[in-house]
Amino acid sequence: MAPQETPVTVPLPADLYAEIKRISANENWPESKAVLMLAKLGAKSQKKMEAQLHSSYEAFMNESDPKAKDQLGDEMIRSIFGPEALG
């Protein structure tokens, strides 16, 4: 059985649309394929980030050394809120 497709219409910010146009021109793709490829890449990236966060959480919870646990906690905070989260 072939995968089912669902058409979706969403407004895009101008800067994102410009990036889609650039990618579609560089790859010689229709804009719809560029949107699809970026969406797939974003979904894959999100899953990877969630797996890394889960792994970091497990390491944090299993760590018994207070200094190492502090460092792992800081790494989790940075992974959630960005590298500048702790200054």
N, C-alpha and C. Protein backbone atom coordinates (compact mmCIF):
# COMPACT_ATOMS: atom_id res chain seq x y z
N MET A 1 0.85 -1.18 0.00
CA MET A 1 0.00 0.00 0.00
C MET A 1 0.89 1.24 0.00
N ALA A 2 0.59 2.17 -0.87
CA ALA A 2 1.39 3.40 -1.00
C ALA A 2 1.10 4.33 0.18
N PRO A 3 2.12 5.10 0.59
CA PRO A 3 1.88 6.05 1.68
C PRO A 3 0.82 7.07 1.27
N GLN A 4 -0.01 7.43 2.22
CA GLN A 4 -1.08 8.39 1.94
C GLN A 4 -0.52 9.79 2.06
N GLU A 5 -0.94 10.67 1.18
CA GLU A 5 -0.52 12.07 1.21
C GLU A 5 -1.68 12.94 1.63
N THR A 6 -1.35 13.98 2.37
CA THR A 6 -2.35 14.94 2.81
C THR A 6 -1.91 16.32 2.37
N PRO A 7 -2.68 16.99 1.53
CA PRO A 7 -2.31 18.34 1.12
C PRO A 7 -2.47 19.31 2.30
N VAL A 8 -1.51 20.22 2.41
CA VAL A 8 -1.52 21.19 3.49
C VAL A 8 -1.19 22.56 2.91
N THR A 9 -1.92 23.56 3.37
CA THR A 9 -1.65 24.93 2.95
C THR A 9 -1.37 25.75 4.20
N VAL A 10 -0.19 26.38 4.24
CA VAL A 10 0.19 27.21 5.38
C VAL A 10 0.85 28.49 4.87
N PRO A 11 0.62 29.60 5.55
CA PRO A 11 1.35 30.81 5.18
C PRO A 11 2.79 30.71 5.69
N LEU A 12 3.72 31.24 4.92
CA LEU A 12 5.14 31.20 5.29
C LEU A 12 5.67 32.61 5.48
N PRO A 13 6.53 32.80 6.49
CA PRO A 13 7.19 34.09 6.61
C PRO A 13 8.04 34.36 5.37
N ALA A 14 8.20 35.62 5.03
CA ALA A 14 8.91 35.99 3.81
C ALA A 14 10.33 35.46 3.79
N ASP A 15 11.03 35.50 4.92
CA ASP A 15 12.42 35.03 4.94
C ASP A 15 12.51 33.52 4.71
N LEU A 16 11.54 32.76 5.23
CA LEU A 16 11.53 31.32 5.00
C LEU A 16 11.20 31.02 3.54
N TYR A 17 10.26 31.76 2.98
CA TYR A 17 9.92 31.55 1.57
C TYR A 17 11.12 31.87 0.67
N ALA A 18 11.87 32.91 1.01
CA ALA A 18 13.07 33.24 0.23
C ALA A 18 14.07 32.09 0.28
N GLU A 19 14.20 31.46 1.44
CA GLU A 19 15.12 30.32 1.57
C GLU A 19 14.61 29.13 0.74
N ILE A 20 13.32 28.92 0.74
CA ILE A 20 12.74 27.84 -0.06
C ILE A 20 12.99 28.09 -1.54
N LYS A 21 12.80 29.33 -1.97
CA LYS A 21 13.07 29.67 -3.37
C LYS A 21 14.54 29.44 -3.72
N ARG A 22 15.43 29.82 -2.81
CA ARG A 22 16.87 29.64 -3.04
C ARG A 22 17.22 28.15 -3.18
N ILE A 23 16.70 27.35 -2.26
CA ILE A 23 16.98 25.91 -2.30
C ILE A 23 16.40 25.29 -3.57
N SER A 24 15.17 25.64 -3.89
CA SER A 24 14.56 25.04 -5.09
C SER A 24 15.33 25.42 -6.35
N ALA A 25 15.85 26.65 -6.41
CA ALA A 25 16.64 27.07 -7.57
C ALA A 25 17.98 26.34 -7.61
N ASN A 26 18.65 26.23 -6.45
CA ASN A 26 19.95 25.56 -6.40
C ASN A 26 19.86 24.08 -6.74
N GLU A 27 18.80 23.44 -6.28
CA GLU A 27 18.64 21.99 -6.49
C GLU A 27 17.84 21.67 -7.75
N ASN A 28 17.31 22.72 -8.39
CA ASN A 28 16.45 22.56 -9.56
C ASN A 28 15.22 21.72 -9.22
N TRP A 29 14.64 22.03 -8.06
CA TRP A 29 13.43 21.37 -7.58
C TRP A 29 12.26 22.34 -7.68
N PRO A 30 11.04 21.80 -7.76
CA PRO A 30 9.88 22.68 -7.58
C PRO A 30 9.85 23.15 -6.11
N GLU A 31 9.25 24.29 -5.86
CA GLU A 31 9.20 24.82 -4.50
C GLU A 31 8.52 23.84 -3.55
N SER A 32 7.52 23.10 -4.03
CA SER A 32 6.82 22.15 -3.16
C SER A 32 7.77 21.05 -2.66
N LYS A 33 8.69 20.62 -3.53
CA LYS A 33 9.65 19.59 -3.10
C LYS A 33 10.63 20.18 -2.09
N ALA A 34 11.04 21.42 -2.27
CA ALA A 34 11.93 22.06 -1.31
C ALA A 34 11.26 22.17 0.05
N VAL A 35 9.98 22.53 0.08
CA VAL A 35 9.23 22.59 1.34
C VAL A 35 9.18 21.22 1.99
N LEU A 36 8.87 20.20 1.20
CA LEU A 36 8.79 18.84 1.72
C LEU A 36 10.14 18.37 2.28
N MET A 37 11.20 18.62 1.55
CA MET A 37 12.52 18.19 2.00
C MET A 37 12.92 18.91 3.29
N LEU A 38 12.63 20.21 3.38
CA LEU A 38 12.94 20.95 4.60
C LEU A 38 12.10 20.46 5.77
N ALA A 39 10.84 20.12 5.53
CA ALA A 39 9.98 19.59 6.59
C ALA A 39 10.51 18.25 7.09
N LYS A 40 10.91 17.38 6.16
CA LYS A 40 11.47 16.08 6.55
C LYS A 40 12.76 16.26 7.34
N LEU A 41 13.61 17.17 6.88
CA LEU A 41 14.86 17.44 7.58
C LEU A 41 14.59 17.98 8.99
N GLY A 42 13.61 18.87 9.10
CA GLY A 42 13.26 19.41 10.40
C GLY A 42 12.73 18.35 11.34
N ALA A 43 11.89 17.45 10.84
CA ALA A 43 11.34 16.37 11.66
C ALA A 43 12.45 15.43 12.12
N LYS A 44 13.37 15.12 11.22
CA LYS A 44 14.49 14.24 11.56
C LYS A 44 15.38 14.91 12.61
N SER A 45 15.63 16.19 12.45
CA SER A 45 16.44 16.94 13.39
C SER A 45 15.77 16.99 14.77
N GLN A 46 14.47 17.19 14.79
CA GLN A 46 13.73 17.23 16.05
C GLN A 46 13.82 15.90 16.78
N LYS A 47 13.67 14.79 16.06
CA LYS A 47 13.79 13.47 16.68
C LYS A 47 15.18 13.26 17.25
N LYS A 48 16.20 13.69 16.51
CA LYS A 48 17.58 13.54 16.98
C LYS A 48 17.81 14.36 18.25
N MET A 49 17.29 15.59 18.28
CA MET A 49 17.44 16.43 19.47
C MET A 49 16.73 15.81 20.67
N GLU A 50 15.55 15.25 20.46
CA GLU A 50 14.82 14.61 21.55
C GLU A 50 15.58 13.40 22.07
N ALA A 51 16.17 12.61 21.18
CA ALA A 51 16.95 11.45 21.60
C ALA A 51 18.19 11.88 22.39
N GLN A 52 18.85 12.95 21.94
CA GLN A 52 20.01 13.44 22.66
C GLN A 52 19.63 13.97 24.04
N LEU A 53 18.51 14.66 24.13
CA LEU A 53 18.05 15.16 25.41
C LEU A 53 17.72 14.01 26.35
N HIS A 54 17.06 12.99 25.84
CA HIS A 54 16.73 11.82 26.66
C HIS A 54 18.01 11.15 27.17
N SER A 55 18.99 11.02 26.29
CA SER A 55 20.27 10.42 26.67
C SER A 55 20.97 11.26 27.74
N SER A 56 20.94 12.58 27.56
CA SER A 56 21.55 13.47 28.54
C SER A 56 20.84 13.37 29.88
N TYR A 57 19.53 13.28 29.84
CA TYR A 57 18.75 13.15 31.07
C TYR A 57 19.10 11.86 31.81
N GLU A 58 19.18 10.76 31.06
CA GLU A 58 19.54 9.48 31.67
C GLU A 58 20.92 9.54 32.31
N ALA A 59 21.88 10.15 31.61
CA ALA A 59 23.24 10.28 32.16
C ALA A 59 23.21 11.13 33.42
N PHE A 60 22.43 12.21 33.40
CA PHE A 60 22.30 13.09 34.56
C PHE A 60 21.72 12.33 35.75
N MET A 61 20.65 11.61 35.53
CA MET A 61 19.99 10.89 36.62
C MET A 61 20.85 9.76 37.18
N ASN A 62 21.70 9.17 36.35
CA ASN A 62 22.53 8.05 36.79
C ASN A 62 23.87 8.47 37.37
N GLU A 63 24.20 9.75 37.25
CA GLU A 63 25.50 10.25 37.74
C GLU A 63 25.44 10.44 39.25
N SER A 64 26.47 9.96 39.93
CA SER A 64 26.51 10.11 41.39
C SER A 64 27.52 11.17 41.84
N ASP A 65 28.49 11.48 41.00
CA ASP A 65 29.48 12.50 41.35
C ASP A 65 28.85 13.89 41.22
N PRO A 66 28.81 14.68 42.30
CA PRO A 66 28.14 15.99 42.25
C PRO A 66 28.70 16.94 41.20
N LYS A 67 30.02 16.98 41.02
CA LYS A 67 30.60 17.88 40.03
C LYS A 67 30.21 17.46 38.61
N ALA A 68 30.28 16.18 38.35
CA ALA A 68 29.90 15.67 37.03
C ALA A 68 28.40 15.89 36.79
N LYS A 69 27.61 15.71 37.85
CA LYS A 69 26.17 15.91 37.72
C LYS A 69 25.86 17.38 37.42
N ASP A 70 26.57 18.30 38.06
CA ASP A 70 26.39 19.73 37.76
C ASP A 70 26.71 20.02 36.30
N GLN A 71 27.80 19.45 35.81
CA GLN A 71 28.19 19.67 34.42
C GLN A 71 27.14 19.11 33.46
N LEU A 72 26.66 17.91 33.76
CA LEU A 72 25.62 17.31 32.91
C LEU A 72 24.33 18.13 32.95
N GLY A 73 24.00 18.67 34.12
CA GLY A 73 22.83 19.53 34.24
C GLY A 73 22.97 20.79 33.40
N ASP A 74 24.16 21.39 33.44
CA ASP A 74 24.41 22.57 32.62
C ASP A 74 24.29 22.25 31.13
N GLU A 75 24.80 21.08 30.73
CA GLU A 75 24.70 20.68 29.33
C GLU A 75 23.24 20.50 28.90
N MET A 76 22.43 19.93 29.79
CA MET A 76 21.00 19.78 29.47
C MET A 76 20.33 21.14 29.33
N ILE A 77 20.63 22.06 30.23
CA ILE A 77 20.04 23.40 30.15
C ILE A 77 20.43 24.07 28.85
N ARG A 78 21.69 23.95 28.45
CA ARG A 78 22.14 24.55 27.19
C ARG A 78 21.48 23.90 25.99
N SER A 79 21.27 22.58 26.05
CA SER A 79 20.65 21.91 24.92
C SER A 79 19.18 22.31 24.77
N ILE A 80 18.54 22.67 25.87
CA ILE A 80 17.13 23.07 25.81
C ILE A 80 16.99 24.54 25.46
N PHE A 81 17.78 25.39 26.14
CA PHE A 81 17.60 26.84 26.03
C PHE A 81 18.64 27.54 25.18
N GLY A 82 19.63 26.81 24.67
CA GLY A 82 20.65 27.40 23.82
C GLY A 82 21.95 27.60 24.57
N PRO A 83 23.04 27.76 23.80
CA PRO A 83 24.38 27.82 24.40
C PRO A 83 24.59 29.02 25.33
N GLU A 84 23.82 30.07 25.19
CA GLU A 84 24.00 31.25 26.03
C GLU A 84 23.15 31.19 27.31
N ALA A 85 22.46 30.09 27.54
CA ALA A 85 21.49 30.01 28.64
C ALA A 85 22.12 30.25 30.01
N LEU A 86 23.34 29.84 30.18
CA LEU A 86 23.98 29.96 31.50
C LEU A 86 25.06 31.03 31.52
N GLY A 87 25.12 31.80 30.47
CA GLY A 87 26.10 32.90 30.44
C GLY A 87 27.43 32.56 29.92
